[in-house]
Amino acid sequence: MIYHVAPQEHQGAILSLFAQHGDEAYEMYATRWPEAGELAQYHAHYVHCYDSLDDARDHVEQHGGKIYEISDEAMAEDLIEVERDRLEFDHPMVRSEIPAEYIREVL
């Protein structure tokens, strides 16, 4: 199971910054994470997730938001492709979008 933290008002599919904002996403990413440098060109296309519910809860405690659980079935059937990002810390990420039917809010 993997988890994603979204803003409290989020509804529907989980979209990467690029899918939400187009080319403006690069500047948004670079502003939010200035230490990432040119990685914004790559990372803005991904939905970043957590391997554990505890890590997602830590994020919510520090920054707010709500937690979504991503369906194991979607990953097992290759409906979404999970990659690993090991740059800042090792975590899963999904390119572009996680459709709403594969997520469930964790209360």
N, C-alpha and C. Protein backbone atom coordinates (compact mmCIF):
# COMPACT_ATOMS: atom_id res chain seq x y z
N MET A 1 0.85 -1.17 0.00
CA MET A 1 0.00 0.00 0.00
C MET A 1 0.90 1.24 0.00
N ILE A 2 0.48 2.26 -0.74
CA ILE A 2 1.16 3.55 -0.68
C ILE A 2 0.13 4.63 -0.37
N TYR A 3 0.62 5.80 0.05
CA TYR A 3 -0.24 6.87 0.53
C TYR A 3 0.18 8.20 -0.08
N HIS A 4 -0.79 9.07 -0.26
CA HIS A 4 -0.53 10.42 -0.76
C HIS A 4 -1.21 11.42 0.17
N VAL A 5 -0.54 12.53 0.44
CA VAL A 5 -1.14 13.61 1.23
C VAL A 5 -1.54 14.73 0.27
N ALA A 6 -2.81 15.10 0.33
CA ALA A 6 -3.36 16.15 -0.53
C ALA A 6 -3.91 17.28 0.34
N PRO A 7 -4.12 18.46 -0.26
CA PRO A 7 -4.75 19.54 0.50
C PRO A 7 -6.12 19.11 1.03
N GLN A 8 -6.52 19.66 2.14
CA GLN A 8 -7.77 19.29 2.80
C GLN A 8 -8.97 19.42 1.86
N GLU A 9 -8.96 20.39 0.97
CA GLU A 9 -10.10 20.62 0.07
C GLU A 9 -10.08 19.75 -1.19
N HIS A 10 -9.08 18.91 -1.34
CA HIS A 10 -8.94 18.09 -2.55
C HIS A 10 -10.13 17.15 -2.75
N GLN A 11 -10.50 16.96 -4.03
CA GLN A 11 -11.51 15.98 -4.44
C GLN A 11 -11.09 15.41 -5.79
N GLY A 12 -11.51 14.19 -6.07
CA GLY A 12 -11.28 13.59 -7.38
C GLY A 12 -9.91 12.96 -7.54
N ALA A 13 -9.48 12.84 -8.79
CA ALA A 13 -8.18 12.23 -9.11
C ALA A 13 -7.05 13.05 -8.49
N ILE A 14 -5.95 12.37 -8.22
CA ILE A 14 -4.75 13.04 -7.72
C ILE A 14 -3.88 13.34 -8.92
N LEU A 15 -3.58 14.62 -9.14
CA LEU A 15 -2.84 15.05 -10.33
C LEU A 15 -1.47 15.61 -9.94
N SER A 16 -0.50 15.39 -10.81
CA SER A 16 0.81 16.01 -10.63
C SER A 16 0.67 17.53 -10.76
N LEU A 17 1.69 18.25 -10.30
CA LEU A 17 1.66 19.71 -10.46
C LEU A 17 1.52 20.10 -11.93
N PHE A 18 2.23 19.38 -12.82
CA PHE A 18 2.15 19.70 -14.24
C PHE A 18 0.74 19.45 -14.78
N ALA A 19 0.13 18.34 -14.40
CA ALA A 19 -1.23 18.04 -14.86
C ALA A 19 -2.22 19.10 -14.37
N GLN A 20 -1.96 19.70 -13.21
CA GLN A 20 -2.84 20.73 -12.67
C GLN A 20 -2.59 22.11 -13.27
N HIS A 21 -1.31 22.46 -13.50
CA HIS A 21 -0.96 23.84 -13.82
C HIS A 21 -0.17 24.04 -15.11
N GLY A 22 0.10 22.98 -15.85
CA GLY A 22 0.86 23.12 -17.09
C GLY A 22 2.26 23.65 -16.83
N ASP A 23 2.78 24.47 -17.73
CA ASP A 23 4.16 24.96 -17.63
C ASP A 23 4.43 25.76 -16.36
N GLU A 24 3.40 26.35 -15.76
CA GLU A 24 3.59 27.09 -14.51
C GLU A 24 4.08 26.17 -13.39
N ALA A 25 3.86 24.87 -13.54
CA ALA A 25 4.25 23.92 -12.50
C ALA A 25 5.75 23.93 -12.26
N TYR A 26 6.55 24.18 -13.29
CA TYR A 26 8.00 24.18 -13.11
C TYR A 26 8.43 25.27 -12.14
N GLU A 27 7.88 26.46 -12.31
CA GLU A 27 8.21 27.57 -11.42
C GLU A 27 7.67 27.31 -10.01
N MET A 28 6.46 26.75 -9.94
CA MET A 28 5.87 26.43 -8.64
C MET A 28 6.75 25.44 -7.89
N TYR A 29 7.20 24.41 -8.59
CA TYR A 29 8.05 23.40 -7.97
C TYR A 29 9.36 24.01 -7.52
N ALA A 30 9.98 24.80 -8.37
CA ALA A 30 11.26 25.43 -8.04
C ALA A 30 11.13 26.39 -6.86
N THR A 31 9.99 27.07 -6.76
CA THR A 31 9.75 27.99 -5.64
C THR A 31 9.55 27.21 -4.35
N ARG A 32 8.79 26.13 -4.42
CA ARG A 32 8.49 25.34 -3.23
C ARG A 32 9.72 24.58 -2.73
N TRP A 33 10.53 24.09 -3.66
CA TRP A 33 11.73 23.32 -3.31
C TRP A 33 12.93 23.88 -4.05
N PRO A 34 13.45 25.05 -3.65
CA PRO A 34 14.55 25.70 -4.37
C PRO A 34 15.82 24.86 -4.44
N GLU A 35 16.03 24.02 -3.45
CA GLU A 35 17.22 23.17 -3.45
C GLU A 35 17.18 22.09 -4.54
N ALA A 36 16.02 21.88 -5.14
CA ALA A 36 15.88 20.85 -6.17
C ALA A 36 16.46 21.27 -7.51
N GLY A 37 16.64 22.58 -7.73
CA GLY A 37 17.23 23.06 -8.98
C GLY A 37 16.46 22.61 -10.19
N GLU A 38 17.19 22.07 -11.18
CA GLU A 38 16.56 21.67 -12.45
C GLU A 38 15.69 20.43 -12.34
N LEU A 39 15.65 19.79 -11.18
CA LEU A 39 14.79 18.62 -11.01
C LEU A 39 13.32 18.95 -11.18
N ALA A 40 12.97 20.22 -11.08
CA ALA A 40 11.58 20.63 -11.27
C ALA A 40 11.07 20.17 -12.63
N GLN A 41 11.93 20.17 -13.64
CA GLN A 41 11.53 19.74 -14.99
C GLN A 41 11.06 18.29 -15.00
N TYR A 42 11.57 17.50 -14.10
CA TYR A 42 11.25 16.07 -14.01
C TYR A 42 10.16 15.82 -12.97
N HIS A 43 10.37 16.33 -11.78
CA HIS A 43 9.50 16.01 -10.65
C HIS A 43 8.11 16.61 -10.74
N ALA A 44 7.92 17.67 -11.46
CA ALA A 44 6.61 18.29 -11.57
C ALA A 44 5.61 17.38 -12.29
N HIS A 45 6.11 16.34 -12.96
CA HIS A 45 5.25 15.42 -13.69
C HIS A 45 4.79 14.23 -12.84
N TYR A 46 5.17 14.20 -11.57
CA TYR A 46 4.87 13.04 -10.72
C TYR A 46 4.03 13.41 -9.51
N VAL A 47 3.21 12.45 -9.08
CA VAL A 47 2.51 12.51 -7.81
C VAL A 47 3.40 11.79 -6.81
N HIS A 48 3.85 12.49 -5.79
CA HIS A 48 4.77 11.91 -4.81
C HIS A 48 3.97 11.31 -3.66
N CYS A 49 4.41 10.15 -3.20
CA CYS A 49 3.67 9.38 -2.21
C CYS A 49 4.58 8.95 -1.06
N TYR A 50 3.99 8.25 -0.11
CA TYR A 50 4.71 7.68 1.03
C TYR A 50 4.50 6.17 1.05
N ASP A 51 5.51 5.45 1.56
CA ASP A 51 5.40 4.00 1.72
C ASP A 51 4.58 3.60 2.93
N SER A 52 4.55 4.48 3.94
CA SER A 52 3.87 4.09 5.18
C SER A 52 2.84 5.13 5.60
N LEU A 53 1.82 4.64 6.26
CA LEU A 53 0.79 5.51 6.79
C LEU A 53 1.37 6.43 7.87
N ASP A 54 2.32 5.93 8.65
CA ASP A 54 2.96 6.75 9.68
C ASP A 54 3.67 7.96 9.06
N ASP A 55 4.39 7.74 7.95
CA ASP A 55 5.07 8.86 7.28
C ASP A 55 4.06 9.87 6.74
N ALA A 56 2.96 9.38 6.18
CA ALA A 56 1.92 10.28 5.68
C ALA A 56 1.30 11.07 6.84
N ARG A 57 1.08 10.41 7.96
CA ARG A 57 0.53 11.10 9.13
C ARG A 57 1.49 12.16 9.66
N ASP A 58 2.79 11.85 9.64
CA ASP A 58 3.80 12.85 10.04
C ASP A 58 3.71 14.09 9.16
N HIS A 59 3.55 13.86 7.85
CA HIS A 59 3.42 14.98 6.91
C HIS A 59 2.20 15.84 7.26
N VAL A 60 1.08 15.18 7.52
CA VAL A 60 -0.15 15.90 7.86
C VAL A 60 0.02 16.69 9.16
N GLU A 61 0.69 16.10 10.14
CA GLU A 61 0.94 16.82 11.40
C GLU A 61 1.75 18.09 11.17
N GLN A 62 2.72 18.03 10.28
CA GLN A 62 3.60 19.17 10.03
C GLN A 62 3.00 20.20 9.07
N HIS A 63 2.26 19.73 8.06
CA HIS A 63 1.84 20.62 6.98
C HIS A 63 0.33 20.67 6.75
N GLY A 64 -0.43 19.81 7.40
CA GLY A 64 -1.86 19.75 7.17
C GLY A 64 -2.20 18.89 5.96
N GLY A 65 -3.47 18.79 5.66
CA GLY A 65 -3.93 18.02 4.51
C GLY A 65 -4.69 16.78 4.93
N LYS A 66 -4.95 15.93 3.95
CA LYS A 66 -5.62 14.66 4.21
C LYS A 66 -4.89 13.56 3.48
N ILE A 67 -5.07 12.34 3.95
CA ILE A 67 -4.32 11.19 3.44
C ILE A 67 -5.22 10.33 2.56
N TYR A 68 -4.66 9.94 1.42
CA TYR A 68 -5.31 8.96 0.55
C TYR A 68 -4.48 7.68 0.51
N GLU A 69 -5.18 6.56 0.54
CA GLU A 69 -4.57 5.25 0.35
C GLU A 69 -4.75 4.88 -1.12
N ILE A 70 -3.67 4.43 -1.74
CA ILE A 70 -3.72 4.06 -3.16
C ILE A 70 -3.94 2.56 -3.26
N SER A 71 -4.87 2.14 -4.06
CA SER A 71 -5.27 0.74 -4.19
C SER A 71 -4.11 -0.17 -4.60
N ASP A 72 -3.91 -1.23 -3.82
CA ASP A 72 -2.93 -2.26 -4.21
C ASP A 72 -3.31 -2.90 -5.53
N GLU A 73 -4.60 -3.05 -5.76
CA GLU A 73 -5.10 -3.66 -7.00
C GLU A 73 -4.65 -2.86 -8.22
N ALA A 74 -4.72 -1.55 -8.13
CA ALA A 74 -4.31 -0.69 -9.25
C ALA A 74 -2.84 -0.89 -9.57
N MET A 75 -2.01 -1.08 -8.54
CA MET A 75 -0.58 -1.30 -8.76
C MET A 75 -0.33 -2.72 -9.27
N ALA A 76 -1.01 -3.70 -8.71
CA ALA A 76 -0.81 -5.09 -9.10
C ALA A 76 -1.21 -5.34 -10.55
N GLU A 77 -2.23 -4.66 -11.00
CA GLU A 77 -2.72 -4.85 -12.36
C GLU A 77 -2.11 -3.84 -13.34
N ASP A 78 -1.07 -3.12 -12.88
CA ASP A 78 -0.37 -2.12 -13.70
C ASP A 78 -1.30 -1.05 -14.26
N LEU A 79 -2.36 -0.74 -13.52
CA LEU A 79 -3.24 0.36 -13.92
C LEU A 79 -2.57 1.70 -13.63
N ILE A 80 -1.69 1.70 -12.63
CA ILE A 80 -0.79 2.82 -12.39
C ILE A 80 0.60 2.24 -12.21
N GLU A 81 1.59 2.96 -12.68
CA GLU A 81 2.98 2.49 -12.57
C GLU A 81 3.69 3.29 -11.49
N VAL A 82 4.19 2.57 -10.50
CA VAL A 82 4.88 3.21 -9.38
C VAL A 82 6.38 3.16 -9.64
N GLU A 83 7.03 4.31 -9.51
CA GLU A 83 8.48 4.41 -9.63
C GLU A 83 9.04 4.84 -8.29
N ARG A 84 10.36 4.78 -8.13
CA ARG A 84 11.01 5.19 -6.88
C ARG A 84 11.78 6.48 -7.10
N ASP A 85 11.66 7.38 -6.15
CA ASP A 85 12.45 8.61 -6.12
C ASP A 85 13.36 8.50 -4.91
N ARG A 86 14.66 8.53 -5.14
CA ARG A 86 15.62 8.37 -4.05
C ARG A 86 16.45 9.62 -3.82
N LEU A 87 16.02 10.76 -4.35
CA LEU A 87 16.85 11.95 -4.25
C LEU A 87 16.82 12.59 -2.87
N GLU A 88 15.71 13.09 -2.43
CA GLU A 88 15.63 13.71 -1.11
C GLU A 88 15.51 12.62 -0.04
N PHE A 89 14.59 11.70 -0.27
CA PHE A 89 14.43 10.50 0.55
C PHE A 89 13.74 9.47 -0.33
N ASP A 90 13.88 8.21 -0.01
CA ASP A 90 13.34 7.13 -0.83
C ASP A 90 11.81 7.08 -0.66
N HIS A 91 11.10 7.30 -1.77
CA HIS A 91 9.64 7.25 -1.72
C HIS A 91 9.06 6.91 -3.09
N PRO A 92 7.84 6.37 -3.11
CA PRO A 92 7.19 6.04 -4.38
C PRO A 92 6.59 7.28 -5.03
N MET A 93 6.46 7.22 -6.36
CA MET A 93 5.81 8.30 -7.10
C MET A 93 5.14 7.70 -8.33
N VAL A 94 4.11 8.38 -8.80
CA VAL A 94 3.32 7.93 -9.94
C VAL A 94 3.28 9.06 -10.95
N ARG A 95 3.55 8.75 -12.21
CA ARG A 95 3.57 9.78 -13.25
C ARG A 95 2.17 10.30 -13.55
N SER A 96 2.03 11.60 -13.56
CA SER A 96 0.88 12.35 -14.05
C SER A 96 -0.37 12.32 -13.17
N GLU A 97 -0.94 11.13 -12.93
CA GLU A 97 -2.26 11.09 -12.30
C GLU A 97 -2.53 9.75 -11.64
N ILE A 98 -3.28 9.80 -10.55
CA ILE A 98 -3.85 8.59 -9.94
C ILE A 98 -5.36 8.78 -10.00
N PRO A 99 -6.04 8.00 -10.85
CA PRO A 99 -7.49 8.17 -11.01
C PRO A 99 -8.25 7.98 -9.69
N ALA A 100 -9.34 8.71 -9.54
CA ALA A 100 -10.12 8.72 -8.30
C ALA A 100 -10.60 7.33 -7.89
N GLU A 101 -10.86 6.46 -8.85
CA GLU A 101 -11.38 5.14 -8.49
C GLU A 101 -10.34 4.26 -7.79
N TYR A 102 -9.08 4.68 -7.77
CA TYR A 102 -8.03 3.89 -7.13
C TYR A 102 -7.57 4.49 -5.81
N ILE A 103 -8.30 5.47 -5.29
CA ILE A 103 -7.91 6.09 -4.03
C ILE A 103 -9.06 6.03 -3.03
N ARG A 104 -8.67 6.04 -1.75
CA ARG A 104 -9.65 6.05 -0.66
C ARG A 104 -9.09 6.93 0.44
N GLU A 105 -9.89 7.86 0.93
CA GLU A 105 -9.43 8.73 2.00
C GLU A 105 -9.28 7.93 3.29
N VAL A 106 -8.18 8.15 3.99
CA VAL A 106 -7.92 7.52 5.28
C VAL A 106 -8.38 8.49 6.36
N LEU A 107 -9.28 8.04 7.19
CA LEU A 107 -9.81 8.92 8.25
C LEU A 107 -9.08 8.72 9.56
